[in-house]
PDB file of N, CA and C in Angstrom:
ATOM      1  N   MET A   1       0.385   1.354 -12.186  1.00  0.00           N
ATOM      2  CA  MET A   1       1.315   1.039 -11.044  1.00  0.00           C
ATOM      3  C   MET A   1       2.098  -0.106 -11.396  1.00  0.00           C
ATOM      4  N   THR A   2       3.327  -0.197 -10.879  1.00  0.00           N
ATOM      5  CA  THR A   2       4.242  -1.420 -11.197  1.00  0.00           C
ATOM      6  C   THR A   2       4.863  -1.895  -9.747  1.00  0.00           C
ATOM      7  N   LYS A   3       5.043  -2.990  -9.793  1.00  0.00           N
ATOM      8  CA  LYS A   3       5.736  -3.565  -8.655  1.00  0.00           C
ATOM      9  C   LYS A   3       7.302  -3.836  -8.973  1.00  0.00           C
ATOM     10  N   ASN A   4       8.024  -2.954  -8.527  1.00  0.00           N
ATOM     11  CA  ASN A   4       9.527  -3.107  -8.607  1.00  0.00           C
ATOM     12  C   ASN A   4      10.127  -3.996  -7.553  1.00  0.00           C
ATOM     13  N   GLU A   5      10.196  -5.308  -8.127  1.00  0.00           N
ATOM     14  CA  GLU A   5      10.712  -6.316  -7.033  1.00  0.00           C
ATOM     15  C   GLU A   5      12.181  -6.171  -6.701  1.00  0.00           C
ATOM     16  N   THR A   6      12.950  -5.626  -7.517  1.00  0.00           N
ATOM     17  CA  THR A   6      14.335  -5.252  -7.129  1.00  0.00           C
ATOM     18  C   THR A   6      14.509  -4.346  -5.980  1.00  0.00           C
ATOM     19  N   ALA A   7      13.661  -3.202  -6.079  1.00  0.00           N
ATOM     20  CA  ALA A   7      13.716  -2.152  -5.103  1.00  0.00           C
ATOM     21  C   ALA A   7      12.803  -2.416  -3.917  1.00  0.00           C
ATOM     22  N   HIS A   8      11.923  -3.480  -4.013  1.00  0.00           N
ATOM     23  CA  HIS A   8      10.970  -3.802  -2.986  1.00  0.00           C
ATOM     24  C   HIS A   8       9.929  -2.610  -2.791  1.00  0.00           C
ATOM     25  N   ARG A   9       9.387  -2.179  -3.920  1.00  0.00           N
ATOM     26  CA  ARG A   9       8.396  -1.066  -3.757  1.00  0.00           C
ATOM     27  C   ARG A   9       7.490  -0.909  -4.945  1.00  0.00           C
ATOM     28  N   PHE A  10       6.363  -0.536  -4.654  1.00  0.00           N
ATOM     29  CA  PHE A  10       5.348  -0.517  -5.739  1.00  0.00           C
ATOM     30  C   PHE A  10       5.499   1.152  -6.180  1.00  0.00           C
ATOM     31  N   GLU A  11       5.437   1.378  -7.382  1.00  0.00           N
ATOM     32  CA  GLU A  11       5.652   2.662  -8.041  1.00  0.00           C
ATOM     33  C   GLU A  11       4.506   3.132  -8.997  1.00  0.00           C
ATOM     34  N   MET A  12       4.205   4.261  -8.849  1.00  0.00           N
ATOM     35  CA  MET A  12       3.252   4.905  -9.626  1.00  0.00           C
ATOM     36  C   MET A  12       3.658   6.293 -10.323  1.00  0.00           C
ATOM     37  N   ASP A  13       3.748   6.414 -11.633  1.00  0.00           N
ATOM     38  CA  ASP A  13       4.065   7.514 -12.215  1.00  0.00           C
ATOM     39  C   ASP A  13       2.752   8.546 -12.341  1.00  0.00           C
ATOM     40  N   VAL A  14       3.024   9.682 -11.731  1.00  0.00           N
ATOM     41  CA  VAL A  14       1.953  10.713 -11.742  1.00  0.00           C
ATOM     42  C   VAL A  14       2.574  11.900 -12.363  1.00  0.00           C
ATOM     43  N   ASP A  15       2.179  12.367 -13.653  1.00  0.00           N
ATOM     44  CA  ASP A  15       2.648  13.468 -14.252  1.00  0.00           C
ATOM     45  C   ASP A  15       4.282  13.579 -14.147  1.00  0.00           C
ATOM     46  N   GLY A  16       4.918  12.526 -14.416  1.00  0.00           N
ATOM     47  CA  GLY A  16       6.301  12.439 -14.425  1.00  0.00           C
ATOM     48  C   GLY A  16       6.992  12.338 -13.130  1.00  0.00           C
ATOM     49  N   GLN A  17       6.160  12.345 -12.006  1.00  0.00           N
ATOM     50  CA  GLN A  17       6.695  12.103 -10.631  1.00  0.00           C
ATOM     51  C   GLN A  17       6.323  10.698 -10.100  1.00  0.00           C
ATOM     52  N   ILE A  18       7.234  10.136  -9.284  1.00  0.00           N
ATOM     53  CA  ILE A  18       6.960   8.725  -8.765  1.00  0.00           C
ATOM     54  C   ILE A  18       6.623   8.777  -7.451  1.00  0.00           C
ATOM     55  N   ALA A  19       5.426   8.190  -7.163  1.00  0.00           N
ATOM     56  CA  ALA A  19       4.885   7.888  -5.833  1.00  0.00           C
ATOM     57  C   ALA A  19       5.293   6.469  -5.655  1.00  0.00           C
ATOM     58  N   ILE A  20       5.645   6.093  -4.249  1.00  0.00           N
ATOM     59  CA  ILE A  20       6.067   4.808  -3.973  1.00  0.00           C
ATOM     60  C   ILE A  20       5.409   4.324  -2.571  1.00  0.00           C
ATOM     61  N   ILE A  21       5.322   2.987  -2.557  1.00  0.00           N
ATOM     62  CA  ILE A  21       5.167   2.258  -1.309  1.00  0.00           C
ATOM     63  C   ILE A  21       6.076   1.196  -1.105  1.00  0.00           C
ATOM     64  N   VAL A  22       6.943   1.286  -0.091  1.00  0.00           N
ATOM     65  CA  VAL A  22       8.028   0.273   0.110  1.00  0.00           C
ATOM     66  C   VAL A  22       7.353  -0.960   0.846  1.00  0.00           C
ATOM     67  N   TYR A  23       7.747  -2.111   0.505  1.00  0.00           N
ATOM     68  CA  TYR A  23       7.111  -3.449   1.043  1.00  0.00           C
ATOM     69  C   TYR A  23       8.177  -4.403   1.341  1.00  0.00           C
ATOM     70  N   GLU A  24       7.703  -5.384   2.162  1.00  0.00           N
ATOM     71  CA  GLU A  24       8.362  -6.628   2.311  1.00  0.00           C
ATOM     72  C   GLU A  24       7.331  -7.762   1.940  1.00  0.00           C
ATOM     73  N   GLU A  25       7.919  -8.723   1.458  1.00  0.00           N
ATOM     74  CA  GLU A  25       7.059  -9.914   1.001  1.00  0.00           C
ATOM     75  C   GLU A  25       7.560 -11.257   1.444  1.00  0.00           C
ATOM     76  N   THR A  26       6.729 -11.969   2.099  1.00  0.00           N
ATOM     77  CA  THR A  26       7.125 -13.355   2.548  1.00  0.00           C
ATOM     78  C   THR A  26       5.818 -14.248   2.531  1.00  0.00           C
ATOM     79  N   HIS A  27       5.968 -15.428   1.846  1.00  0.00           N
ATOM     80  CA  HIS A  27       4.907 -16.392   1.902  1.00  0.00           C
ATOM     81  C   HIS A  27       3.466 -15.800   1.743  1.00  0.00           C
ATOM     82  N   PHE A  28       3.163 -15.111   0.639  1.00  0.00           N
ATOM     83  CA  PHE A  28       1.823 -14.482   0.460  1.00  0.00           C
ATOM     84  C   PHE A  28       1.484 -13.554   1.634  1.00  0.00           C
ATOM     85  N   LYS A  29       2.448 -12.974   2.205  1.00  0.00           N
ATOM     86  CA  LYS A  29       2.196 -11.952   3.238  1.00  0.00           C
ATOM     87  C   LYS A  29       2.885 -10.551   2.796  1.00  0.00           C
ATOM     88  N   MET A  30       2.220  -9.460   2.720  1.00  0.00           N
ATOM     89  CA  MET A  30       2.633  -8.269   2.139  1.00  0.00           C
ATOM     90  C   MET A  30       2.674  -7.283   3.321  1.00  0.00           C
ATOM     91  N   THR A  31       3.896  -6.811   3.662  1.00  0.00           N
ATOM     92  CA  THR A  31       3.932  -5.857   4.710  1.00  0.00           C
ATOM     93  C   THR A  31       4.214  -4.454   4.135  1.00  0.00           C
ATOM     94  N   LEU A  32       3.509  -3.490   4.266  1.00  0.00           N
ATOM     95  CA  LEU A  32       3.571  -2.252   3.717  1.00  0.00           C
ATOM     96  C   LEU A  32       4.235  -1.253   4.744  1.00  0.00           C
ATOM     97  N   LEU A  33       5.445  -0.851   4.337  1.00  0.00           N
ATOM     98  CA  LEU A  33       6.264  -0.221   5.347  1.00  0.00           C
ATOM     99  C   LEU A  33       6.199   1.364   5.210  1.00  0.00           C
ATOM    100  N   HIS A  34       6.239   1.911   4.097  1.00  0.00           N
ATOM    101  CA  HIS A  34       6.339   3.370   3.919  1.00  0.00           C
ATOM    102  C   HIS A  34       5.887   3.755   2.699  1.00  0.00           C
ATOM    103  N   THR A  35       4.993   4.824   2.587  1.00  0.00           N
ATOM    104  CA  THR A  35       4.451   5.523   1.480  1.00  0.00           C
ATOM    105  C   THR A  35       5.161   6.863   1.311  1.00  0.00           C
ATOM    106  N   GLU A  36       5.511   7.065   0.075  1.00  0.00           N
ATOM    107  CA  GLU A  36       6.229   8.437  -0.220  1.00  0.00           C
ATOM    108  C   GLU A  36       5.716   9.085  -1.445  1.00  0.00           C
ATOM    109  N   VAL A  37       5.461  10.347  -1.346  1.00  0.00           N
ATOM    110  CA  VAL A  37       4.957  11.122  -2.501  1.00  0.00           C
ATOM    111  C   VAL A  37       5.821  12.349  -2.662  1.00  0.00           C
ATOM    112  N   PRO A  38       6.273  12.588  -3.956  1.00  0.00           N
ATOM    113  CA  PRO A  38       6.999  13.793  -4.184  1.00  0.00           C
ATOM    114  C   PRO A  38       6.141  15.067  -3.713  1.00  0.00           C
ATOM    115  N   PRO A  39       6.955  16.052  -3.216  1.00  0.00           N
ATOM    116  CA  PRO A  39       6.211  17.387  -2.759  1.00  0.00           C
ATOM    117  C   PRO A  39       5.363  17.841  -3.824  1.00  0.00           C
ATOM    118  N   ALA A  40       5.575  17.754  -5.158  1.00  0.00           N
ATOM    119  CA  ALA A  40       4.899  18.301  -6.186  1.00  0.00           C
ATOM    120  C   ALA A  40       3.595  17.660  -6.211  1.00  0.00           C
ATOM    121  N   LEU A  41       3.221  16.453  -5.774  1.00  0.00           N
ATOM    122  CA  LEU A  41       2.119  15.656  -5.817  1.00  0.00           C
ATOM    123  C   LEU A  41       1.261  15.671  -4.458  1.00  0.00           C
ATOM    124  N   GLU A  42       1.808  16.314  -3.351  1.00  0.00           N
ATOM    125  CA  GLU A  42       1.129  16.383  -2.040  1.00  0.00           C
ATOM    126  C   GLU A  42      -0.117  16.978  -2.195  1.00  0.00           C
ATOM    127  N   GLY A  43      -1.157  16.372  -1.603  1.00  0.00           N
ATOM    128  CA  GLY A  43      -2.495  17.215  -1.628  1.00  0.00           C
ATOM    129  C   GLY A  43      -3.276  16.843  -2.896  1.00  0.00           C
ATOM    130  N   LYS A  44      -2.739  16.066  -3.825  1.00  0.00           N
ATOM    131  CA  LYS A  44      -3.410  15.816  -5.029  1.00  0.00           C
ATOM    132  C   LYS A  44      -4.042  14.411  -5.359  1.00  0.00           C
ATOM    133  N   GLY A  45      -3.946  13.775  -4.221  1.00  0.00           N
ATOM    134  CA  GLY A  45      -4.582  12.368  -4.212  1.00  0.00           C
ATOM    135  C   GLY A  45      -3.593  11.389  -4.605  1.00  0.00           C
ATOM    136  N   ALA A  46      -2.326  11.527  -4.862  1.00  0.00           N
ATOM    137  CA  ALA A  46      -1.406  10.473  -5.277  1.00  0.00           C
ATOM    138  C   ALA A  46      -1.212   9.438  -4.252  1.00  0.00           C
ATOM    139  N   ALA A  47      -1.068   9.849  -2.953  1.00  0.00           N
ATOM    140  CA  ALA A  47      -0.857   8.773  -1.963  1.00  0.00           C
ATOM    141  C   ALA A  47      -2.055   7.893  -1.992  1.00  0.00           C
ATOM    142  N   THR A  48      -3.323   8.447  -1.790  1.00  0.00           N
ATOM    143  CA  THR A  48      -4.539   7.515  -1.901  1.00  0.00           C
ATOM    144  C   THR A  48      -4.573   6.684  -3.223  1.00  0.00           C
ATOM    145  N   ALA A  49      -4.161   7.164  -4.249  1.00  0.00           N
ATOM    146  CA  ALA A  49      -4.260   6.440  -5.422  1.00  0.00           C
ATOM    147  C   ALA A  49      -3.283   5.138  -5.461  1.00  0.00           C
ATOM    148  N   ILE A  50      -2.004   5.543  -5.001  1.00  0.00           N
ATOM    149  CA  ILE A  50      -1.138   4.360  -4.912  1.00  0.00           C
ATOM    150  C   ILE A  50      -1.478   3.383  -3.788  1.00  0.00           C
ATOM    151  N   ILE A  51      -2.083   3.859  -2.692  1.00  0.00           N
ATOM    152  CA  ILE A  51      -2.520   2.933  -1.735  1.00  0.00           C
ATOM    153  C   ILE A  51      -3.621   2.070  -2.243  1.00  0.00           C
ATOM    154  N   GLU A  52      -4.590   2.637  -2.995  1.00  0.00           N
ATOM    155  CA  GLU A  52      -5.673   1.976  -3.459  1.00  0.00           C
ATOM    156  C   GLU A  52      -5.170   0.793  -4.483  1.00  0.00           C
ATOM    157  N   LYS A  53      -4.355   1.343  -5.266  1.00  0.00           N
ATOM    158  CA  LYS A  53      -3.654   0.362  -6.327  1.00  0.00           C
ATOM    159  C   LYS A  53      -3.088  -0.886  -5.723  1.00  0.00           C
ATOM    160  N   THR A  54      -2.227  -0.555  -4.666  1.00  0.00           N
ATOM    161  CA  THR A  54      -1.550  -1.602  -4.039  1.00  0.00           C
ATOM    162  C   THR A  54      -2.423  -2.559  -3.379  1.00  0.00           C
ATOM    163  N   LEU A  55      -3.454  -2.118  -2.659  1.00  0.00           N
ATOM    164  CA  LEU A  55      -4.441  -2.957  -1.997  1.00  0.00           C
ATOM    165  C   LEU A  55      -5.093  -3.805  -2.974  1.00  0.00           C
ATOM    166  N   GLU A  56      -5.550  -3.393  -4.221  1.00  0.00           N
ATOM    167  CA  GLU A  56      -6.206  -4.023  -5.176  1.00  0.00           C
ATOM    168  C   GLU A  56      -5.128  -5.156  -5.682  1.00  0.00           C
ATOM    169  N   TYR A  57      -3.822  -4.763  -5.751  1.00  0.00           N
ATOM    170  CA  TYR A  57      -2.791  -5.757  -6.130  1.00  0.00           C
ATOM    171  C   TYR A  57      -2.761  -6.983  -5.126  1.00  0.00           C
ATOM    172  N   ILE A  58      -2.704  -6.598  -3.915  1.00  0.00           N
ATOM    173  CA  ILE A  58      -2.672  -7.562  -2.818  1.00  0.00           C
ATOM    174  C   ILE A  58      -3.857  -8.444  -2.839  1.00  0.00           C
ATOM    175  N   GLU A  59      -5.070  -7.905  -2.959  1.00  0.00           N
ATOM    176  CA  GLU A  59      -6.222  -8.687  -3.017  1.00  0.00           C
ATOM    177  C   GLU A  59      -6.247  -9.616  -4.210  1.00  0.00           C
ATOM    178  N   LYS A  60      -5.952  -9.123  -5.370  1.00  0.00           N
ATOM    179  CA  LYS A  60      -6.028  -9.881  -6.558  1.00  0.00           C
ATOM    180  C   LYS A  60      -4.962 -10.937  -6.592  1.00  0.00           C
ATOM    181  N   ASN A  61      -3.929 -10.931  -5.909  1.00  0.00           N
ATOM    182  CA  ASN A  61      -2.759 -11.802  -5.944  1.00  0.00           C
ATOM    183  C   ASN A  61      -2.816 -12.698  -4.600  1.00  0.00           C
ATOM    184  N   HIS A  62      -3.949 -12.580  -3.876  1.00  0.00           N
ATOM    185  CA  HIS A  62      -4.243 -13.472  -2.688  1.00  0.00           C
ATOM    186  C   HIS A  62      -3.096 -13.247  -1.670  1.00  0.00           C
ATOM    187  N   TYR A  63      -2.621 -12.126  -1.480  1.00  0.00           N
ATOM    188  CA  TYR A  63      -1.648 -11.898  -0.439  1.00  0.00           C
ATOM    189  C   TYR A  63      -2.685 -11.541   1.010  1.00  0.00           C
ATOM    190  N   ARG A  64      -1.984 -11.618   2.040  1.00  0.00           N
ATOM    191  CA  ARG A  64      -2.400 -11.171   3.283  1.00  0.00           C
ATOM    192  C   ARG A  64      -1.598  -9.812   3.621  1.00  0.00           C
ATOM    193  N   LEU A  65      -2.381  -8.828   4.090  1.00  0.00           N
ATOM    194  CA  LEU A  65      -1.759  -7.425   4.416  1.00  0.00           C
ATOM    195  C   LEU A  65      -1.318  -7.299   5.842  1.00  0.00           C
ATOM    196  N   VAL A  66      -0.111  -6.804   5.952  1.00  0.00           N
ATOM    197  CA  VAL A  66       0.211  -6.303   7.244  1.00  0.00           C
ATOM    198  C   VAL A  66       0.647  -4.862   7.147  1.00  0.00           C
ATOM    199  N   PRO A  67      -0.278  -3.886   7.504  1.00  0.00           N
ATOM    200  CA  PRO A  67       0.124  -2.455   7.261  1.00  0.00           C
ATOM    201  C   PRO A  67       0.924  -1.818   8.386  1.00  0.00           C
ATOM    202  N   LEU A  68       2.139  -1.432   8.118  1.00  0.00           N
ATOM    203  CA  LEU A  68       2.857  -0.794   9.111  1.00  0.00           C
ATOM    204  C   LEU A  68       3.091   0.752   8.849  1.00  0.00           C
ATOM    205  N   CYS A  69       2.840   1.137   7.557  1.00  0.00           N
ATOM    206  CA  CYS A  69       2.883   2.430   7.204  1.00  0.00           C
ATOM    207  C   CYS A  69       1.683   3.099   7.700  1.00  0.00           C
ATOM    208  N   PRO A  70       1.970   4.222   8.494  1.00  0.00           N
ATOM    209  CA  PRO A  70       0.807   5.090   9.077  1.00  0.00           C
ATOM    210  C   PRO A  70      -0.307   5.524   8.005  1.00  0.00           C
ATOM    211  N   MET A  71       0.255   5.795   6.707  1.00  0.00           N
ATOM    212  CA  MET A  71      -0.833   6.306   5.796  1.00  0.00           C
ATOM    213  C   MET A  71      -1.767   5.077   5.437  1.00  0.00           C
ATOM    214  N   VAL A  72      -1.112   3.936   5.354  1.00  0.00           N
ATOM    215  CA  VAL A  72      -2.007   2.873   4.865  1.00  0.00           C
ATOM    216  C   VAL A  72      -2.981   2.371   6.122  1.00  0.00           C
ATOM    217  N   VAL A  73      -2.513   2.466   7.308  1.00  0.00           N
ATOM    218  CA  VAL A  73      -3.216   2.292   8.468  1.00  0.00           C
ATOM    219  C   VAL A  73      -4.396   3.203   8.402  1.00  0.00           C
ATOM    220  N   ALA A  74      -4.179   4.474   8.249  1.00  0.00           N
ATOM    221  CA  ALA A  74      -5.273   5.552   8.272  1.00  0.00           C
ATOM    222  C   ALA A  74      -6.279   5.275   7.182  1.00  0.00           C
ATOM    223  N   TYR A  75      -5.767   4.814   6.037  1.00  0.00           N
ATOM    224  CA  TYR A  75      -6.664   4.654   4.889  1.00  0.00           C
ATOM    225  C   TYR A  75      -7.551   3.362   5.201  1.00  0.00           C
ATOM    226  N   ILE A  76      -6.930   2.366   5.744  1.00  0.00           N
ATOM    227  CA  ILE A  76      -7.849   1.153   6.152  1.00  0.00           C
ATOM    228  C   ILE A  76      -8.793   1.487   7.104  1.00  0.00           C
ATOM    229  N   LYS A  77      -8.547   2.332   8.116  1.00  0.00           N
ATOM    230  CA  LYS A  77      -9.460   2.692   9.131  1.00  0.00           C
ATOM    231  C   LYS A  77     -10.615   3.555   8.489  1.00  0.00           C
ATOM    232  N   ARG A  78     -10.247   4.311   7.462  1.00  0.00           N
ATOM    233  CA  ARG A  78     -11.404   5.136   6.792  1.00  0.00           C
ATOM    234  C   ARG A  78     -12.223   4.260   5.708  1.00  0.00           C
ATOM    235  N   HIS A  79     -11.574   3.096   5.424  1.00  0.00           N
ATOM    236  CA  HIS A  79     -12.262   2.245   4.372  1.00  0.00           C
ATOM    237  C   HIS A  79     -12.227   0.865   4.957  1.00  0.00           C
ATOM    238  N   PRO A  80     -12.981   0.429   5.869  1.00  0.00           N
ATOM    239  CA  PRO A  80     -13.079  -0.792   6.436  1.00  0.00           C
ATOM    240  C   PRO A  80     -13.343  -1.959   5.634  1.00  0.00           C
ATOM    241  N   GLU A  81     -13.796  -1.726   4.459  1.00  0.00           N
ATOM    242  CA  GLU A  81     -14.024  -2.840   3.456  1.00  0.00           C
ATOM    243  C   GLU A  81     -12.684  -3.588   3.149  1.00  0.00           C
ATOM    244  N   TRP A  82     -11.563  -2.890   3.289  1.00  0.00           N
ATOM    245  CA  TRP A  82     -10.260  -3.505   3.170  1.00  0.00           C
ATOM    246  C   TRP A  82      -9.749  -4.400   4.279  1.00  0.00           C
ATOM    247  N   LYS A  83     -10.548  -4.507   5.477  1.00  0.00           N
ATOM    248  CA  LYS A  83     -10.180  -5.254   6.547  1.00  0.00           C
ATOM    249  C   LYS A  83     -10.152  -6.814   6.158  1.00  0.00           C
ATOM    250  N   MET A  84     -10.818  -7.115   5.052  1.00  0.00           N
ATOM    251  CA  MET A  84     -11.012  -8.514   4.599  1.00  0.00           C
ATOM    252  C   MET A  84      -9.650  -9.014   4.157  1.00  0.00           C
ATOM    253  N   ILE A  85      -8.559  -8.127   3.667  1.00  0.00           N
ATOM    254  CA  ILE A  85      -7.194  -8.663   3.310  1.00  0.00           C
ATOM    255  C   ILE A  85      -6.243  -8.590   4.458  1.00  0.00           C
ATOM    256  N   LEU A  86      -6.616  -8.143   5.430  1.00  0.00           N
ATOM    257  CA  LEU A  86      -5.704  -7.977   6.616  1.00  0.00           C
ATOM    258  C   LEU A  86      -5.276  -9.438   7.101  1.00  0.00           C
ATOM    259  N   ASP A  87      -3.892  -9.509   7.461  1.00  0.00           N
ATOM    260  CA  ASP A  87      -3.510 -10.735   7.951  1.00  0.00           C
ATOM    261  C   ASP A  87      -4.019 -11.005   9.297  1.00  0.00           C
ATOM    262  N   GLU A  88      -4.351 -12.256   9.795  1.00  0.00           N
ATOM    263  CA  GLU A  88      -4.988 -12.433  10.992  1.00  0.00           C
ATOM    264  C   GLU A  88      -4.164 -11.941  12.218  1.00  0.00           C
ATOM    265  N   SER A  89      -2.948 -11.814  12.050  1.00  0.00           N
ATOM    266  CA  SER A  89      -1.968 -11.261  13.068  1.00  0.00           C
ATOM    267  C   SER A  89      -2.294  -9.934  13.525  1.00  0.00           C
ATOM    268  N   VAL A  90      -2.890  -9.119  12.543  1.00  0.00           N
ATOM    269  CA  VAL A  90      -3.172  -7.703  12.885  1.00  0.00           C
ATOM    270  C   VAL A  90      -4.589  -7.412  12.817  1.00  0.00           C
ATOM    271  N   ARG A  91      -5.441  -8.288  12.385  1.00  0.00           N
ATOM    272  CA  ARG A  91      -6.856  -7.999  12.252  1.00  0.00           C
ATOM    273  C   ARG A  91      -7.552  -7.383  13.519  1.00  0.00           C
ATOM    274  N   ASP A  92      -7.159  -7.923  14.609  1.00  0.00           N
ATOM    275  CA  ASP A  92      -7.870  -7.396  15.859  1.00  0.00           C
ATOM    276  C   ASP A  92      -7.532  -5.840  16.126  1.00  0.00           C
ATOM    277  N   ASN A  93      -6.605  -5.366  15.457  1.00  0.00           N
ATOM    278  CA  ASN A  93      -6.232  -3.969  15.716  1.00  0.00           C
ATOM    279  C   ASN A  93      -7.122  -2.903  15.062  1.00  0.00           C
ATOM    280  N   TYR A  94      -8.099  -3.556  14.165  1.00  0.00           N
ATOM    281  CA  TYR A  94      -8.900  -2.622  13.325  1.00  0.00           C
ATOM    282  C   TYR A  94     -10.327  -2.751  13.657  1.00  0.00           C
TER     283      TYR A  94
END
């Protein structure tokens, strides 16, 4: 996975297809806006993989997470161990 700072998105190549998560970044706060997976990768775990890698990046780089993307929100609700990286402004929603 790579962080494309110019396009404001995380990108992951899966079998020649690119899955993305669009983000906004301010003062060590990462807002995840949209996850997109090409139709050829749907149902193959690509969205889960890029979400996991993005959350690992956020944790490793000491960002606080504001998840606005419904896929990321659903992932965190299924994996509450990631609540620890949530920004305090949204933590009560989980």
